[in-house]
C-alpha atoms as a PDB file:
ATOM      1  CA  UNK A   1       0.000   0.000   0.000  1.00  0.00           C
ATOM      2  CA  UNK A   2       2.834   2.382   0.499  1.00  0.00           C
ATOM      3  CA  UNK A   3       3.979   1.889  -3.137  1.00  0.00           C
ATOM      4  CA  UNK A   4       1.000   3.734  -4.616  1.00  0.00           C
ATOM      5  CA  UNK A   5       1.756   6.874  -6.662  1.00  0.00           C
ATOM      6  CA  UNK A   6      -0.085  10.089  -6.209  1.00  0.00           C
ATOM      7  CA  UNK A   7      -2.230  11.082  -9.209  1.00  0.00           C
ATOM      8  CA  UNK A   8      -0.401  14.421  -9.602  1.00  0.00           C
ATOM      9  CA  UNK A   9       2.938  12.917 -10.618  1.00  0.00           C
ATOM     10  CA  UNK A  10       1.728  11.491 -13.945  1.00  0.00           C
ATOM     11  CA  UNK A  11      -0.193  14.594 -14.974  1.00  0.00           C
ATOM     12  CA  UNK A  12       2.733  16.923 -14.237  1.00  0.00           C
ATOM     13  CA  UNK A  13       5.056  14.740 -16.340  1.00  0.00           C
ATOM     14  CA  UNK A  14       2.587  14.840 -19.226  1.00  0.00           C
ATOM     15  CA  UNK A  15       2.342  18.615 -18.988  1.00  0.00           C
ATOM     16  CA  UNK A  16       6.131  18.942 -18.922  1.00  0.00           C
ATOM     17  CA  UNK A  17       6.441  16.702 -22.004  1.00  0.00           C
ATOM     18  CA  UNK A  18       3.806  18.806 -23.784  1.00  0.00           C
ATOM     19  CA  UNK A  19       5.651  22.054 -22.996  1.00  0.00           C
ATOM     20  CA  UNK A  20       9.040  20.652 -24.070  1.00  0.00           C
ATOM     21  CA  UNK A  21       7.493  19.329 -27.305  1.00  0.00           C
ATOM     22  CA  UNK A  22       5.975  22.725 -28.021  1.00  0.00           C
ATOM     23  CA  UNK A  23       9.322  24.435 -27.481  1.00  0.00           C
ATOM     24  CA  UNK A  24      11.033  21.982 -29.840  1.00  0.00           C
ATOM     25  CA  UNK A  25       8.439  22.666 -32.536  1.00  0.00           C
ATOM     26  CA  UNK A  26       8.742  26.443 -32.024  1.00  0.00           C
ATOM     27  CA  UNK A  27      12.548  26.334 -32.314  1.00  0.00           C
ATOM     28  CA  UNK A  28      12.233  24.198 -35.453  1.00  0.00           C
ATOM     29  CA  UNK A  29       9.848  26.669 -37.086  1.00  0.00           C
ATOM     30  CA  UNK A  30      12.050  29.638 -36.198  1.00  0.00           C
ATOM     31  CA  UNK A  31      15.128  27.842 -37.582  1.00  0.00           C
ATOM     32  CA  UNK A  32      13.293  27.031 -40.806  1.00  0.00           C
ATOM     33  CA  UNK A  33      12.217  30.669 -41.213  1.00  0.00           C
ATOM     34  CA  UNK A  34      15.697  32.010 -40.473  1.00  0.00           C
ATOM     35  CA  UNK A  35      17.854  29.529 -42.392  1.00  0.00           C
ATOM     36  CA  UNK A  36      15.575  27.719 -44.809  1.00  0.00           C
ATOM     37  CA  UNK A  37      14.417  30.648 -46.885  1.00  0.00           C
ATOM     38  CA  UNK A  38      15.845  31.835 -50.197  1.00  0.00           C
ATOM     39  CA  UNK A  39      18.838  34.115 -49.660  1.00  0.00           C
ATOM     40  CA  UNK A  40      18.125  36.473 -52.559  1.00  0.00           C
ATOM     41  CA  UNK A  41      14.729  37.592 -51.309  1.00  0.00           C
ATOM     42  CA  UNK A  42      13.567  38.277 -54.873  1.00  0.00           C
ATOM     43  CA  UNK A  43      10.033  37.318 -55.814  1.00  0.00           C
ATOM     44  CA  UNK A  44       9.109  36.786 -59.449  1.00  0.00           C
ATOM     45  CA  UNK A  45       5.418  36.403 -60.274  1.00  0.00           C
ATOM     46  CA  UNK A  46       4.212  35.834 -63.825  1.00  0.00           C
ATOM     47  CA  UNK A  47       0.560  35.674 -64.839  1.00  0.00           C
ATOM     48  CA  UNK A  48       0.008  34.271 -68.306  1.00  0.00           C
ATOM     49  CA  UNK A  49      -3.165  34.689 -70.306  1.00  0.00           C
ATOM     50  CA  UNK A  50      -4.079  38.255 -69.358  1.00  0.00           C
ATOM     51  CA  UNK A  51      -4.114  39.451 -72.954  1.00  0.00           C
ATOM     52  CA  UNK A  52      -6.210  42.502 -73.781  1.00  0.00           C
ATOM     53  CA  UNK A  53      -7.494  42.901 -70.228  1.00  0.00           C
ATOM     54  CA  UNK A  54      -3.963  43.280 -68.874  1.00  0.00           C
ATOM     55  CA  UNK A  55      -3.155  45.860 -71.545  1.00  0.00           C
ATOM     56  CA  UNK A  56      -6.316  47.809 -70.711  1.00  0.00           C
ATOM     57  CA  UNK A  57      -5.437  47.858 -67.001  1.00  0.00           C
ATOM     58  CA  UNK A  58      -1.913  49.027 -67.800  1.00  0.00           C
ATOM     59  CA  UNK A  59      -3.241  51.823 -70.027  1.00  0.00           C
ATOM     60  CA  UNK A  60      -5.729  52.894 -67.360  1.00  0.00           C
ATOM     61  CA  UNK A  61      -2.990  52.987 -64.729  1.00  0.00           C
ATOM     62  CA  UNK A  62      -0.825  55.143 -66.976  1.00  0.00           C
ATOM     63  CA  UNK A  63      -3.747  57.515 -67.614  1.00  0.00           C
ATOM     64  CA  UNK A  64      -4.423  57.880 -63.902  1.00  0.00           C
ATOM     65  CA  UNK A  65      -0.719  58.496 -63.274  1.00  0.00           C
ATOM     66  CA  UNK A  66      -0.606  61.146 -65.988  1.00  0.00           C
ATOM     67  CA  UNK A  67      -3.724  62.847 -64.595  1.00  0.00           C
ATOM     68  CA  UNK A  68      -2.206  62.871 -61.115  1.00  0.00           C
ATOM     69  CA  UNK A  69       0.969  64.438 -62.500  1.00  0.00           C
ATOM     70  CA  UNK A  70      -1.071  67.091 -64.290  1.00  0.00           C
ATOM     71  CA  UNK A  71      -2.960  67.970 -61.123  1.00  0.00           C
ATOM     72  CA  UNK A  72       0.170  68.234 -58.993  1.00  0.00           C
ATOM     73  CA  UNK A  73       1.913  70.326 -61.656  1.00  0.00           C
ATOM     74  CA  UNK A  74      -1.077  72.668 -61.910  1.00  0.00           C
ATOM     75  CA  UNK A  75      -1.516  71.841 -65.602  1.00  0.00           C
ATOM     76  CA  UNK A  76      -5.145  70.735 -65.505  1.00  0.00           C
ATOM     77  CA  UNK A  77      -6.538  70.446 -69.029  1.00  0.00           C
ATOM     78  CA  UNK A  78     -10.157  69.343 -68.957  1.00  0.00           C
END
């Protein structure tokens, strides 16, 4: 009868294992972010198939940029 364990010993060991496991995972994620990423840092995104819609958006952006330049220069021609 004196060899019985208290119920708190097993639960505290499980909690400690859970905390240590979480720390190991956190250190692994931080190491992957710090050392596993591409060194150049450049991102290249290409979208194929835009066609006429992409050209129209580009033209609209240029027109808006030109209008903004005209307004800031005080050369408003309407």
